[in-house]
């Protein structure tokens, strides 16, 4: 996933309603009406949220007879997770190095105080 796709995906997920829609879609495909049911907003407003998620590549809509179910794209979430994990691992490695330096300094200080 390139930087532009990442930016659109993270921007799409910056809204709590869209994050909730994504969470609900982890349970399975749903229609706009089914997704809109728990919200105090119009179908059109929910459709606009879904359009943002769709533009970011996080969901797709397909035609299934009379229904147009919304589908969560797991690969797009995997790309986000990969990006986050890469940065998390880099930070954890840096913190491990810092811990090692602090342990060394602490050991040196302890040895000097007992001498």
PDB file of N, CA and C in Angstrom:
ATOM      1  N   UNK A   1       0.863  -1.165   0.000  1.00  0.00           N
ATOM      2  CA  UNK A   1       0.000   0.000   0.000  1.00  0.00           C
ATOM      3  C   UNK A   1       0.913   1.233   0.000  1.00  0.00           C
ATOM      4  N   UNK A   2       0.707   2.129  -0.957  1.00  0.00           N
ATOM      5  CA  UNK A   2       1.551   3.316  -1.035  1.00  0.00           C
ATOM      6  C   UNK A   2       1.103   4.363  -0.019  1.00  0.00           C
ATOM      7  N   UNK A   3       1.913   5.414   0.120  1.00  0.00           N
ATOM      8  CA  UNK A   3       1.636   6.452   1.118  1.00  0.00           C
ATOM      9  C   UNK A   3       0.277   7.111   0.911  1.00  0.00           C
ATOM     10  N   UNK A   4      -0.116   7.306  -0.358  1.00  0.00           N
ATOM     11  CA  UNK A   4      -1.404   7.940  -0.636  1.00  0.00           C
ATOM     12  C   UNK A   4      -2.553   7.068  -0.129  1.00  0.00           C
ATOM     13  N   UNK A   5      -2.456   5.753  -0.362  1.00  0.00           N
ATOM     14  CA  UNK A   5      -3.493   4.844   0.133  1.00  0.00           C
ATOM     15  C   UNK A   5      -3.506   4.814   1.656  1.00  0.00           C
ATOM     16  N   UNK A   6      -2.318   4.803   2.260  1.00  0.00           N
ATOM     17  CA  UNK A   6      -2.247   4.828   3.719  1.00  0.00           C
ATOM     18  C   UNK A   6      -2.890   6.100   4.269  1.00  0.00           C
ATOM     19  N   UNK A   7      -2.586   7.217   3.650  1.00  0.00           N
ATOM     20  CA  UNK A   7      -3.156   8.491   4.109  1.00  0.00           C
ATOM     21  C   UNK A   7      -4.672   8.475   4.030  1.00  0.00           C
ATOM     22  N   UNK A   8      -5.212   7.969   2.912  1.00  0.00           N
ATOM     23  CA  UNK A   8      -6.671   7.912   2.776  1.00  0.00           C
ATOM     24  C   UNK A   8      -7.288   6.955   3.794  1.00  0.00           C
ATOM     25  N   UNK A   9      -6.621   5.826   4.013  1.00  0.00           N
ATOM     26  CA  UNK A   9      -7.160   4.843   4.955  1.00  0.00           C
ATOM     27  C   UNK A   9      -7.151   5.391   6.379  1.00  0.00           C
ATOM     28  N   UNK A  10      -6.028   5.980   6.797  1.00  0.00           N
ATOM     29  CA  UNK A  10      -5.978   6.533   8.151  1.00  0.00           C
ATOM     30  C   UNK A  10      -6.935   7.710   8.308  1.00  0.00           C
ATOM     31  N   UNK A  11      -7.057   8.527   7.282  1.00  0.00           N
ATOM     32  CA  UNK A  11      -8.008   9.643   7.328  1.00  0.00           C
ATOM     33  C   UNK A  11      -9.435   9.113   7.451  1.00  0.00           C
ATOM     34  N   UNK A  12      -9.748   8.064   6.699  1.00  0.00           N
ATOM     35  CA  UNK A  12     -11.089   7.478   6.766  1.00  0.00           C
ATOM     36  C   UNK A  12     -11.375   6.942   8.163  1.00  0.00           C
ATOM     37  N   UNK A  13     -10.363   6.357   8.782  1.00  0.00           N
ATOM     38  CA  UNK A  13     -10.543   5.770  10.109  1.00  0.00           C
ATOM     39  C   UNK A  13     -10.454   6.794  11.233  1.00  0.00           C
ATOM     40  N   UNK A  14     -10.195   8.049  10.897  1.00  0.00           N
ATOM     41  CA  UNK A  14     -10.116   9.080  11.935  1.00  0.00           C
ATOM     42  C   UNK A  14     -11.492   9.424  12.500  1.00  0.00           C
ATOM     43  N   UNK A  15     -12.536   9.060  11.805  1.00  0.00           N
ATOM     44  CA  UNK A  15     -13.895   9.351  12.251  1.00  0.00           C
ATOM     45  C   UNK A  15     -14.446   8.179  13.064  1.00  0.00           C
ATOM     46  N   UNK A  16     -14.992   8.431  14.257  1.00  0.00           N
ATOM     47  CA  UNK A  16     -15.488   7.340  15.098  1.00  0.00           C
ATOM     48  C   UNK A  16     -16.639   6.547  14.473  1.00  0.00           C
ATOM     49  N   UNK A  17     -17.494   7.197  13.703  1.00  0.00           N
ATOM     50  CA  UNK A  17     -18.591   6.461  13.052  1.00  0.00           C
ATOM     51  C   UNK A  17     -18.025   5.489  12.032  1.00  0.00           C
ATOM     52  N   UNK A  18     -17.045   5.932  11.260  1.00  0.00           N
ATOM     53  CA  UNK A  18     -16.459   5.040  10.257  1.00  0.00           C
ATOM     54  C   UNK A  18     -15.705   3.891  10.926  1.00  0.00           C
ATOM     55  N   UNK A  19     -15.020   4.172  12.039  1.00  0.00           N
ATOM     56  CA  UNK A  19     -14.350   3.076  12.761  1.00  0.00           C
ATOM     57  C   UNK A  19     -15.388   2.072  13.256  1.00  0.00           C
ATOM     58  N   UNK A  20     -16.526   2.569  13.734  1.00  0.00           N
ATOM     59  CA  UNK A  20     -17.580   1.674  14.198  1.00  0.00           C
ATOM     60  C   UNK A  20     -18.142   0.849  13.039  1.00  0.00           C
ATOM     61  N   UNK A  21     -18.322   1.476  11.884  1.00  0.00           N
ATOM     62  CA  UNK A  21     -18.804   0.729  10.716  1.00  0.00           C
ATOM     63  C   UNK A  21     -17.837  -0.393  10.353  1.00  0.00           C
ATOM     64  N   UNK A  22     -16.543  -0.080  10.377  1.00  0.00           N
ATOM     65  CA  UNK A  22     -15.531  -1.104  10.079  1.00  0.00           C
ATOM     66  C   UNK A  22     -15.622  -2.230  11.115  1.00  0.00           C
ATOM     67  N   UNK A  23     -15.743  -1.870  12.382  1.00  0.00           N
ATOM     68  CA  UNK A  23     -15.864  -2.889  13.438  1.00  0.00           C
ATOM     69  C   UNK A  23     -17.072  -3.785  13.208  1.00  0.00           C
ATOM     70  N   UNK A  24     -18.180  -3.167  12.851  1.00  0.00           N
ATOM     71  CA  UNK A  24     -19.399  -3.955  12.616  1.00  0.00           C
ATOM     72  C   UNK A  24     -19.252  -4.853  11.399  1.00  0.00           C
ATOM     73  N   UNK A  25     -18.523  -4.392  10.391  1.00  0.00           N
ATOM     74  CA  UNK A  25     -18.333  -5.209   9.183  1.00  0.00           C
ATOM     75  C   UNK A  25     -17.390  -6.383   9.421  1.00  0.00           C
ATOM     76  N   UNK A  26     -16.651  -6.385  10.524  1.00  0.00           N
ATOM     77  CA  UNK A  26     -15.825  -7.562  10.830  1.00  0.00           C
ATOM     78  C   UNK A  26     -16.699  -8.777  11.127  1.00  0.00           C
ATOM     79  N   UNK A  27     -17.961  -8.523  11.475  1.00  0.00           N
ATOM     80  CA  UNK A  27     -18.894  -9.620  11.746  1.00  0.00           C
ATOM     81  C   UNK A  27     -19.478 -10.210  10.477  1.00  0.00           C
ATOM     82  N   UNK A  28     -19.357  -9.481   9.365  1.00  0.00           N
ATOM     83  CA  UNK A  28     -19.878  -9.967   8.093  1.00  0.00           C
ATOM     84  C   UNK A  28     -20.428  -8.833   7.248  1.00  0.00           C
ATOM     85  N   UNK A  29     -20.682  -9.140   6.000  1.00  0.00           N
ATOM     86  CA  UNK A  29     -21.231  -8.143   5.077  1.00  0.00           C
ATOM     87  C   UNK A  29     -22.604  -7.677   5.562  1.00  0.00           C
ATOM     88  N   UNK A  30     -22.943  -6.436   5.234  1.00  0.00           N
ATOM     89  CA  UNK A  30     -24.232  -5.872   5.637  1.00  0.00           C
ATOM     90  C   UNK A  30     -24.657  -4.829   4.617  1.00  0.00           C
ATOM     91  N   UNK A  31     -25.941  -4.600   4.538  1.00  0.00           N
ATOM     92  CA  UNK A  31     -26.459  -3.550   3.648  1.00  0.00           C
ATOM     93  C   UNK A  31     -26.331  -2.199   4.348  1.00  0.00           C
ATOM     94  N   UNK A  32     -26.497  -1.142   3.575  1.00  0.00           N
ATOM     95  CA  UNK A  32     -26.452   0.204   4.144  1.00  0.00           C
ATOM     96  C   UNK A  32     -27.545   0.349   5.202  1.00  0.00           C
ATOM     97  N   UNK A  33     -28.729  -0.169   4.910  1.00  0.00           N
ATOM     98  CA  UNK A  33     -29.830  -0.103   5.869  1.00  0.00           C
ATOM     99  C   UNK A  33     -29.504  -0.814   7.171  1.00  0.00           C
ATOM    100  N   UNK A  34     -28.897  -1.981   7.074  1.00  0.00           N
ATOM    101  CA  UNK A  34     -28.514  -2.721   8.279  1.00  0.00           C
ATOM    102  C   UNK A  34     -27.445  -1.962   9.064  1.00  0.00           C
ATOM    103  N   UNK A  35     -26.508  -1.375   8.337  1.00  0.00           N
ATOM    104  CA  UNK A  35     -25.445  -0.619   9.004  1.00  0.00           C
ATOM    105  C   UNK A  35     -25.985   0.663   9.639  1.00  0.00           C
ATOM    106  N   UNK A  36     -26.981   1.272   9.004  1.00  0.00           N
ATOM    107  CA  UNK A  36     -27.529   2.549   9.483  1.00  0.00           C
ATOM    108  C   UNK A  36     -28.447   2.384  10.689  1.00  0.00           C
ATOM    109  N   UNK A  37     -28.989   1.190  10.884  1.00  0.00           N
ATOM    110  CA  UNK A  37     -30.025   0.969  11.902  1.00  0.00           C
ATOM    111  C   UNK A  37     -29.688   1.531  13.286  1.00  0.00           C
ATOM    112  N   UNK A  38     -28.505   1.309  13.830  1.00  0.00           N
ATOM    113  CA  UNK A  38     -28.269   1.781  15.203  1.00  0.00           C
ATOM    114  C   UNK A  38     -27.949   3.279  15.324  1.00  0.00           C
ATOM    115  N   UNK A  39     -27.791   3.958  14.210  1.00  0.00           N
ATOM    116  CA  UNK A  39     -27.393   5.360  14.251  1.00  0.00           C
ATOM    117  C   UNK A  39     -28.592   6.295  14.149  1.00  0.00           C
ATOM    118  N   UNK A  40     -28.440   7.440  14.753  1.00  0.00           N
ATOM    119  CA  UNK A  40     -29.451   8.483  14.641  1.00  0.00           C
ATOM    120  C   UNK A  40     -29.030   9.421  13.507  1.00  0.00           C
ATOM    121  N   UNK A  41     -28.955   8.847  12.293  1.00  0.00           N
ATOM    122  CA  UNK A  41     -28.602   9.625  11.099  1.00  0.00           C
ATOM    123  C   UNK A  41     -29.279   8.988   9.905  1.00  0.00           C
ATOM    124  N   UNK A  42     -29.351   9.730   8.838  1.00  0.00           N
ATOM    125  CA  UNK A  42     -30.047   9.254   7.639  1.00  0.00           C
ATOM    126  C   UNK A  42     -29.224   8.185   6.914  1.00  0.00           C
ATOM    127  N   UNK A  43     -29.919   7.446   6.058  1.00  0.00           N
ATOM    128  CA  UNK A  43     -29.223   6.484   5.197  1.00  0.00           C
ATOM    129  C   UNK A  43     -28.193   7.200   4.335  1.00  0.00           C
ATOM    130  N   UNK A  44     -28.538   8.399   3.890  1.00  0.00           N
ATOM    131  CA  UNK A  44     -27.627   9.173   3.051  1.00  0.00           C
ATOM    132  C   UNK A  44     -26.343   9.509   3.813  1.00  0.00           C
ATOM    133  N   UNK A  45     -26.447   9.847   5.081  1.00  0.00           N
ATOM    134  CA  UNK A  45     -25.262  10.162   5.886  1.00  0.00           C
ATOM    135  C   UNK A  45     -24.384   8.927   6.054  1.00  0.00           C
ATOM    136  N   UNK A  46     -25.003   7.780   6.315  1.00  0.00           N
ATOM    137  CA  UNK A  46     -24.239   6.532   6.443  1.00  0.00           C
ATOM    138  C   UNK A  46     -23.603   6.194   5.103  1.00  0.00           C
ATOM    139  N   UNK A  47     -24.321   6.399   4.019  1.00  0.00           N
ATOM    140  CA  UNK A  47     -23.773   6.152   2.679  1.00  0.00           C
ATOM    141  C   UNK A  47     -22.548   7.020   2.414  1.00  0.00           C
ATOM    142  N   UNK A  48     -22.571   8.257   2.894  1.00  0.00           N
ATOM    143  CA  UNK A  48     -21.417   9.137   2.720  1.00  0.00           C
ATOM    144  C   UNK A  48     -20.214   8.619   3.497  1.00  0.00           C
ATOM    145  N   UNK A  49     -20.454   8.130   4.707  1.00  0.00           N
ATOM    146  CA  UNK A  49     -19.362   7.523   5.483  1.00  0.00           C
ATOM    147  C   UNK A  49     -18.802   6.308   4.743  1.00  0.00           C
ATOM    148  N   UNK A  50     -19.696   5.507   4.199  1.00  0.00           N
ATOM    149  CA  UNK A  50     -19.253   4.320   3.467  1.00  0.00           C
ATOM    150  C   UNK A  50     -18.493   4.702   2.202  1.00  0.00           C
ATOM    151  N   UNK A  51     -18.889   5.795   1.564  1.00  0.00           N
ATOM    152  CA  UNK A  51     -18.179   6.260   0.370  1.00  0.00           C
ATOM    153  C   UNK A  51     -16.736   6.641   0.703  1.00  0.00           C
ATOM    154  N   UNK A  52     -16.531   7.239   1.873  1.00  0.00           N
ATOM    155  CA  UNK A  52     -15.171   7.581   2.307  1.00  0.00           C
ATOM    156  C   UNK A  52     -14.365   6.303   2.540  1.00  0.00           C
ATOM    157  N   UNK A  53     -14.968   5.329   3.206  1.00  0.00           N
ATOM    158  CA  UNK A  53     -14.291   4.045   3.438  1.00  0.00           C
ATOM    159  C   UNK A  53     -13.999   3.332   2.124  1.00  0.00           C
ATOM    160  N   UNK A  54     -14.920   3.442   1.177  1.00  0.00           N
ATOM    161  CA  UNK A  54     -14.740   2.809  -0.127  1.00  0.00           C
ATOM    162  C   UNK A  54     -13.612   3.497  -0.900  1.00  0.00           C
ATOM    163  N   UNK A  55     -13.570   4.812  -0.886  1.00  0.00           N
ATOM    164  CA  UNK A  55     -12.508   5.555  -1.576  1.00  0.00           C
ATOM    165  C   UNK A  55     -11.139   5.221  -0.997  1.00  0.00           C
ATOM    166  N   UNK A  56     -11.113   4.890   0.286  1.00  0.00           N
ATOM    167  CA  UNK A  56      -9.859   4.515   0.949  1.00  0.00           C
ATOM    168  C   UNK A  56      -9.504   3.053   0.708  1.00  0.00           C
ATOM    169  N   UNK A  57     -10.388   2.315   0.044  1.00  0.00           N
ATOM    170  CA  UNK A  57     -10.123   0.905  -0.246  1.00  0.00           C
ATOM    171  C   UNK A  57     -10.403  -0.027   0.921  1.00  0.00           C
ATOM    172  N   UNK A  58     -11.083   0.470   1.942  1.00  0.00           N
ATOM    173  CA  UNK A  58     -11.350  -0.356   3.117  1.00  0.00           C
ATOM    174  C   UNK A  58     -12.604  -1.202   2.982  1.00  0.00           C
ATOM    175  N   UNK A  59     -13.548  -0.753   2.170  1.00  0.00           N
ATOM    176  CA  UNK A  59     -14.768  -1.528   1.926  1.00  0.00           C
ATOM    177  C   UNK A  59     -15.086  -1.512   0.436  1.00  0.00           C
ATOM    178  N   UNK A  60     -15.851  -2.488   0.023  1.00  0.00           N
ATOM    179  CA  UNK A  60     -16.373  -2.531  -1.345  1.00  0.00           C
ATOM    180  C   UNK A  60     -17.867  -2.815  -1.253  1.00  0.00           C
ATOM    181  N   UNK A  61     -18.561  -2.444  -2.307  1.00  0.00           N
ATOM    182  CA  UNK A  61     -19.994  -2.753  -2.401  1.00  0.00           C
ATOM    183  C   UNK A  61     -20.188  -3.567  -3.663  1.00  0.00           C
ATOM    184  N   UNK A  62     -21.025  -4.573  -3.570  1.00  0.00           N
ATOM    185  CA  UNK A  62     -21.315  -5.379  -4.744  1.00  0.00           C
ATOM    186  C   UNK A  62     -22.804  -5.613  -4.835  1.00  0.00           C
ATOM    187  N   UNK A  63     -23.227  -5.995  -5.989  1.00  0.00           N
ATOM    188  CA  UNK A  63     -24.651  -6.252  -6.181  1.00  0.00           C
ATOM    189  C   UNK A  63     -24.892  -7.748  -5.994  1.00  0.00           C
ATOM    190  N   UNK A  64     -25.864  -8.068  -5.156  1.00  0.00           N
ATOM    191  CA  UNK A  64     -26.244  -9.455  -4.877  1.00  0.00           C
ATOM    192  C   UNK A  64     -27.764  -9.512  -4.977  1.00  0.00           C
ATOM    193  N   UNK A  65     -28.246  -9.777  -6.210  1.00  0.00           N
ATOM    194  CA  UNK A  65     -29.686  -9.736  -6.502  1.00  0.00           C
ATOM    195  C   UNK A  65     -30.213  -8.334  -6.183  1.00  0.00           C
ATOM    196  N   UNK A  66     -31.135  -8.213  -5.242  1.00  0.00           N
ATOM    197  CA  UNK A  66     -31.698  -6.915  -4.886  1.00  0.00           C
ATOM    198  C   UNK A  66     -30.859  -6.191  -3.828  1.00  0.00           C
ATOM    199  N   UNK A  67     -29.972  -6.905  -3.203  1.00  0.00           N
ATOM    200  CA  UNK A  67     -29.151  -6.325  -2.122  1.00  0.00           C
ATOM    201  C   UNK A  67     -27.859  -5.755  -2.672  1.00  0.00           C
ATOM    202  N   UNK A  68     -27.306  -4.793  -1.964  1.00  0.00           N
ATOM    203  CA  UNK A  68     -25.969  -4.256  -2.267  1.00  0.00           C
ATOM    204  C   UNK A  68     -25.146  -4.313  -0.983  1.00  0.00           C
ATOM    205  N   UNK A  69     -24.685  -5.499  -0.625  1.00  0.00           N
ATOM    206  CA  UNK A  69     -23.952  -5.617   0.639  1.00  0.00           C
ATOM    207  C   UNK A  69     -22.610  -4.884   0.595  1.00  0.00           C
ATOM    208  N   UNK A  70     -22.235  -4.374   1.755  1.00  0.00           N
ATOM    209  CA  UNK A  70     -20.944  -3.728   1.943  1.00  0.00           C
ATOM    210  C   UNK A  70     -20.010  -4.782   2.516  1.00  0.00           C
ATOM    211  N   UNK A  71     -18.807  -4.860   1.948  1.00  0.00           N
ATOM    212  CA  UNK A  71     -17.840  -5.885   2.332  1.00  0.00           C
ATOM    213  C   UNK A  71     -16.563  -5.219   2.837  1.00  0.00           C
ATOM    214  N   UNK A  72     -16.070  -5.668   3.973  1.00  0.00           N
ATOM    215  CA  UNK A  72     -14.818  -5.164   4.530  1.00  0.00           C
ATOM    216  C   UNK A  72     -13.650  -5.845   3.818  1.00  0.00           C
ATOM    217  N   UNK A  73     -12.719  -5.058   3.330  1.00  0.00           N
ATOM    218  CA  UNK A  73     -11.549  -5.589   2.632  1.00  0.00           C
ATOM    219  C   UNK A  73     -10.433  -5.881   3.630  1.00  0.00           C
ATOM    220  N   UNK A  74     -10.302  -7.145   3.993  1.00  0.00           N
ATOM    221  CA  UNK A  74      -9.323  -7.555   5.001  1.00  0.00           C
ATOM    222  C   UNK A  74      -7.892  -7.232   4.571  1.00  0.00           C
ATOM    223  N   UNK A  75      -7.613  -7.323   3.269  1.00  0.00           N
ATOM    224  CA  UNK A  75      -6.254  -7.029   2.804  1.00  0.00           C
ATOM    225  C   UNK A  75      -5.862  -5.585   3.091  1.00  0.00           C
ATOM    226  N   UNK A  76      -6.808  -4.672   2.975  1.00  0.00           N
ATOM    227  CA  UNK A  76      -6.520  -3.265   3.265  1.00  0.00           C
ATOM    228  C   UNK A  76      -6.190  -3.090   4.746  1.00  0.00           C
ATOM    229  N   UNK A  77      -6.907  -3.787   5.617  1.00  0.00           N
ATOM    230  CA  UNK A  77      -6.595  -3.727   7.042  1.00  0.00           C
ATOM    231  C   UNK A  77      -5.239  -4.355   7.322  1.00  0.00           C
ATOM    232  N   UNK A  78      -4.913  -5.419   6.599  1.00  0.00           N
ATOM    233  CA  UNK A  78      -3.609  -6.060   6.768  1.00  0.00           C
ATOM    234  C   UNK A  78      -2.488  -5.100   6.390  1.00  0.00           C
ATOM    235  N   UNK A  79      -2.689  -4.311   5.341  1.00  0.00           N
ATOM    236  CA  UNK A  79      -1.679  -3.327   4.952  1.00  0.00           C
ATOM    237  C   UNK A  79      -1.461  -2.295   6.054  1.00  0.00           C
ATOM    238  N   UNK A  80      -2.554  -1.838   6.668  1.00  0.00           N
ATOM    239  CA  UNK A  80      -2.439  -0.881   7.776  1.00  0.00           C
ATOM    240  C   UNK A  80      -1.712  -1.513   8.965  1.00  0.00           C
ATOM    241  N   UNK A  81      -2.061  -2.747   9.259  1.00  0.00           N
ATOM    242  CA  UNK A  81      -1.434  -3.458  10.374  1.00  0.00           C
ATOM    243  C   UNK A  81       0.063  -3.648  10.117  1.00  0.00           C
ATOM    244  N   UNK A  82       0.421  -3.977   8.892  1.00  0.00           N
ATOM    245  CA  UNK A  82       1.834  -4.148   8.538  1.00  0.00           C
ATOM    246  C   UNK A  82       2.593  -2.848   8.754  1.00  0.00           C
ATOM    247  N   UNK A  83       2.009  -1.732   8.324  1.00  0.00           N
ATOM    248  CA  UNK A  83       2.655  -0.429   8.494  1.00  0.00           C
ATOM    249  C   UNK A  83       2.828  -0.108   9.980  1.00  0.00           C
ATOM    250  N   UNK A  84       1.766  -0.317  10.749  1.00  0.00           N
ATOM    251  CA  UNK A  84       1.816  -0.039  12.188  1.00  0.00           C
ATOM    252  C   UNK A  84       2.834  -0.950  12.871  1.00  0.00           C
ATOM    253  N   UNK A  85       2.808  -2.240  12.554  1.00  0.00           N
ATOM    254  CA  UNK A  85       3.738  -3.191  13.175  1.00  0.00           C
ATOM    255  C   UNK A  85       5.192  -2.850  12.871  1.00  0.00           C
ATOM    256  N   UNK A  86       5.478  -2.429  11.644  1.00  0.00           N
ATOM    257  CA  UNK A  86       6.850  -2.071  11.279  1.00  0.00           C
ATOM    258  C   UNK A  86       7.351  -0.940  12.174  1.00  0.00           C
ATOM    259  N   UNK A  87       6.501   0.043  12.401  1.00  0.00           N
ATOM    260  CA  UNK A  87       6.899   1.170  13.237  1.00  0.00           C
ATOM    261  C   UNK A  87       6.922   0.801  14.727  1.00  0.00           C
ATOM    262  N   UNK A  88       6.005  -0.020  15.142  1.00  0.00           N
ATOM    263  CA  UNK A  88       5.991  -0.483  16.536  1.00  0.00           C
ATOM    264  C   UNK A  88       7.262  -1.263  16.850  1.00  0.00           C
ATOM    265  N   UNK A  89       7.662  -2.149  15.938  1.00  0.00           N
ATOM    266  CA  UNK A  89       8.872  -2.944  16.155  1.00  0.00           C
ATOM    267  C   UNK A  89      10.119  -2.063  16.210  1.00  0.00           C
ATOM    268  N   UNK A  90      10.171  -1.025  15.376  1.00  0.00           N
ATOM    269  CA  UNK A  90      11.312  -0.104  15.395  1.00  0.00           C
ATOM    270  C   UNK A  90      11.382   0.626  16.738  1.00  0.00           C
ATOM    271  N   UNK A  91      10.240   1.066  17.238  1.00  0.00           N
ATOM    272  CA  UNK A  91      10.212   1.757  18.535  1.00  0.00           C
ATOM    273  C   UNK A  91      10.604   0.794  19.656  1.00  0.00           C
ATOM    274  N   UNK A  92      10.087  -0.431  19.612  1.00  0.00           N
ATOM    275  CA  UNK A  92      10.429  -1.409  20.642  1.00  0.00           C
ATOM    276  C   UNK A  92      11.919  -1.719  20.630  1.00  0.00           C
ATOM    277  N   UNK A  93      12.526  -1.815  19.451  1.00  0.00           N
ATOM    278  CA  UNK A  93      13.969  -2.071  19.353  1.00  0.00           C
ATOM    279  C   UNK A  93      14.748  -0.896  19.951  1.00  0.00           C
ATOM    280  N   UNK A  94      14.313   0.314  19.645  1.00  0.00           N
ATOM    281  CA  UNK A  94      14.985   1.491  20.193  1.00  0.00           C
ATOM    282  C   UNK A  94      14.858   1.520  21.718  1.00  0.00           C
ATOM    283  N   UNK A  95      13.689   1.190  22.233  1.00  0.00           N
ATOM    284  CA  UNK A  95      13.486   1.176  23.683  1.00  0.00           C
ATOM    285  C   UNK A  95      14.320   0.076  24.342  1.00  0.00           C
ATOM    286  N   UNK A  96      14.477  -1.051  23.676  1.00  0.00           N
ATOM    287  CA  UNK A  96      15.317  -2.128  24.214  1.00  0.00           C
ATOM    288  C   UNK A  96      16.767  -1.680  24.313  1.00  0.00           C
ATOM    289  N   UNK A  97      17.234  -0.975  23.286  1.00  0.00           N
ATOM    290  CA  UNK A  97      18.606  -0.453  23.323  1.00  0.00           C
ATOM    291  C   UNK A  97      18.757   0.550  24.457  1.00  0.00           C
ATOM    292  N   UNK A  98      17.766   1.407  24.637  1.00  0.00           N
ATOM    293  CA  UNK A  98      17.808   2.383  25.725  1.00  0.00           C
ATOM    294  C   UNK A  98      17.821   1.672  27.078  1.00  0.00           C
ATOM    295  N   UNK A  99      16.983   0.647  27.236  1.00  0.00           N
ATOM    296  CA  UNK A  99      16.968  -0.124  28.484  1.00  0.00           C
ATOM    297  C   UNK A  99      18.337  -0.732  28.765  1.00  0.00           C
ATOM    298  N   UNK A 100      18.989  -1.256  27.721  1.00  0.00           N
ATOM    299  CA  UNK A 100      20.313  -1.854  27.895  1.00  0.00           C
ATOM    300  C   UNK A 100      21.327  -0.806  28.353  1.00  0.00           C
ATOM    301  N   UNK A 101      21.281   0.381  27.758  1.00  0.00           N
ATOM    302  CA  UNK A 101      22.193   1.461  28.155  1.00  0.00           C
ATOM    303  C   UNK A 101      21.921   1.876  29.597  1.00  0.00           C
ATOM    304  N   UNK A 102      20.654   2.024  29.965  1.00  0.00           N
ATOM    305  CA  UNK A 102      20.310   2.410  31.331  1.00  0.00           C
ATOM    306  C   UNK A 102      20.722   1.339  32.337  1.00  0.00           C
ATOM    307  N   UNK A 103      20.556   0.067  31.979  1.00  0.00           N
ATOM    308  CA  UNK A 103      20.995  -1.022  32.860  1.00  0.00           C
ATOM    309  C   UNK A 103      22.508  -0.974  33.055  1.00  0.00           C
ATOM    310  N   UNK A 104      23.218  -0.719  31.974  1.00  0.00           N
ATOM    311  CA  UNK A 104      24.681  -0.625  32.046  1.00  0.00           C
ATOM    312  C   UNK A 104      25.102   0.549  32.934  1.00  0.00           C
ATOM    313  N   UNK A 105      24.438   1.698  32.750  1.00  0.00           N
ATOM    314  CA  UNK A 105      24.753   2.857  33.585  1.00  0.00           C
ATOM    315  C   UNK A 105      24.434   2.592  35.051  1.00  0.00           C
ATOM    316  N   UNK A 106      23.338   1.911  35.299  1.00  0.00           N
ATOM    317  CA  UNK A 106      22.943   1.584  36.663  1.00  0.00           C
ATOM    318  C   UNK A 106      23.949   0.630  37.298  1.00  0.00           C
ATOM    319  N   UNK A 107      24.396  -0.360  36.544  1.00  0.00           N
ATOM    320  CA  UNK A 107      25.394  -1.310  37.045  1.00  0.00           C
ATOM    321  C   UNK A 107      26.702  -0.603  37.351  1.00  0.00           C
ATOM    322  N   UNK A 108      27.124   0.278  36.477  1.00  0.00           N
ATOM    323  CA  UNK A 108      28.365   1.027  36.665  1.00  0.00           C
ATOM    324  C   UNK A 108      28.253   1.913  37.902  1.00  0.00           C
ATOM    325  N   UNK A 109      27.126   2.583  38.075  1.00  0.00           N
ATOM    326  CA  UNK A 109      26.913   3.436  39.236  1.00  0.00           C
ATOM    327  C   UNK A 109      26.921   2.626  40.522  1.00  0.00           C
ATOM    328  N   UNK A 110      26.307   1.455  40.486  1.00  0.00           N
ATOM    329  CA  UNK A 110      26.267   0.595  41.673  1.00  0.00           C
ATOM    330  C   UNK A 110      27.659   0.103  42.044  1.00  0.00           C
ATOM    331  N   UNK A 111      28.455  -0.267  41.044  1.00  0.00           N
ATOM    332  CA  UNK A 111      29.819  -0.731  41.294  1.00  0.00           C
ATOM    333  C   UNK A 111      30.669   0.389  41.883  1.00  0.00           C
ATOM    334  N   UNK A 112      30.481   1.612  41.383  1.00  0.00           N
ATOM    335  CA  UNK A 112      31.281   2.740  41.861  1.00  0.00           C
ATOM    336  C   UNK A 112      30.896   3.105  43.287  1.00  0.00           C
ATOM    337  N   UNK A 113      29.620   2.955  43.648  1.00  0.00           N
ATOM    338  CA  UNK A 113      29.194   3.332  44.986  1.00  0.00           C
ATOM    339  C   UNK A 113      29.627   2.291  46.030  1.00  0.00           C
ATOM    340  N   UNK A 114      29.850   1.058  45.629  1.00  0.00           N
ATOM    341  CA  UNK A 114      30.300   0.021  46.571  1.00  0.00           C
ATOM    342  C   UNK A 114      31.806  -0.013  46.693  1.00  0.00           C
ATOM    343  N   UNK A 115      32.513   0.682  45.826  1.00  0.00           N
ATOM    344  CA  UNK A 115      33.987   0.673  45.876  1.00  0.00           C
ATOM    345  C   UNK A 115      34.514   1.622  46.886  1.00  0.00           C
TER     346      UNK A 115
END
